[in-house]
């Protein structure tokens, strides 16, 4: 009886291992999509007189894509750049706006920042090291020594991290995919990283 129960428990945990990541990921995606859809649904329902599930999400995607197309055109690019400069000069708004813009650009922009995974020596005596990403190599505009670099060290199981200014000699480049290294850090080292760097 005990042997049967142990076998049942093993199979249950194995099933949980397969289902839990898929279910949690699916729920997270569903929740995000519903929240985006709910932004426009009240206005669309009021306009049409009836509710069409998912229409708010579709319109939001179309609107963002349209802005992307207009922002790339010769006619609208100067206008959007002018708007960008105006918002960037607003006393309080500019700090929040520029921070969010730079953060988004680091992930999805043309000038991606998290592309250089490194191993940083934190404690020489204990040989303690941390994984991170070089975000700036030239810090002279801040009056910081040219032999130091800015390294972002993400937290595990979180979308936050810390910025450290460290001597360049303590930073060792990694021959691995930036995305895989980020996944390795966020998962607290649970996932494996392929040996060769892939673009």
Foldseek 3Di string as FASTA:
>chain_A
DVVVVVVVVVVVVVVCVVVVVVVVVVVVVVVVQQVQQVVCQVVVCVVVVHGDPNPSSVVVVVVVVVVVVQCPDPVNVVVVVVVVVVQCPPDPSNVVVVVVVVVVCCPPNPPNFLFWWKWFQDDPVVSDIAIWGFRFQAPVVVVDDNQWTWTWGDAALDRDTDIDIGGVVRIGTAQFESVQSVVCRNPVNPDDTDRHHDD
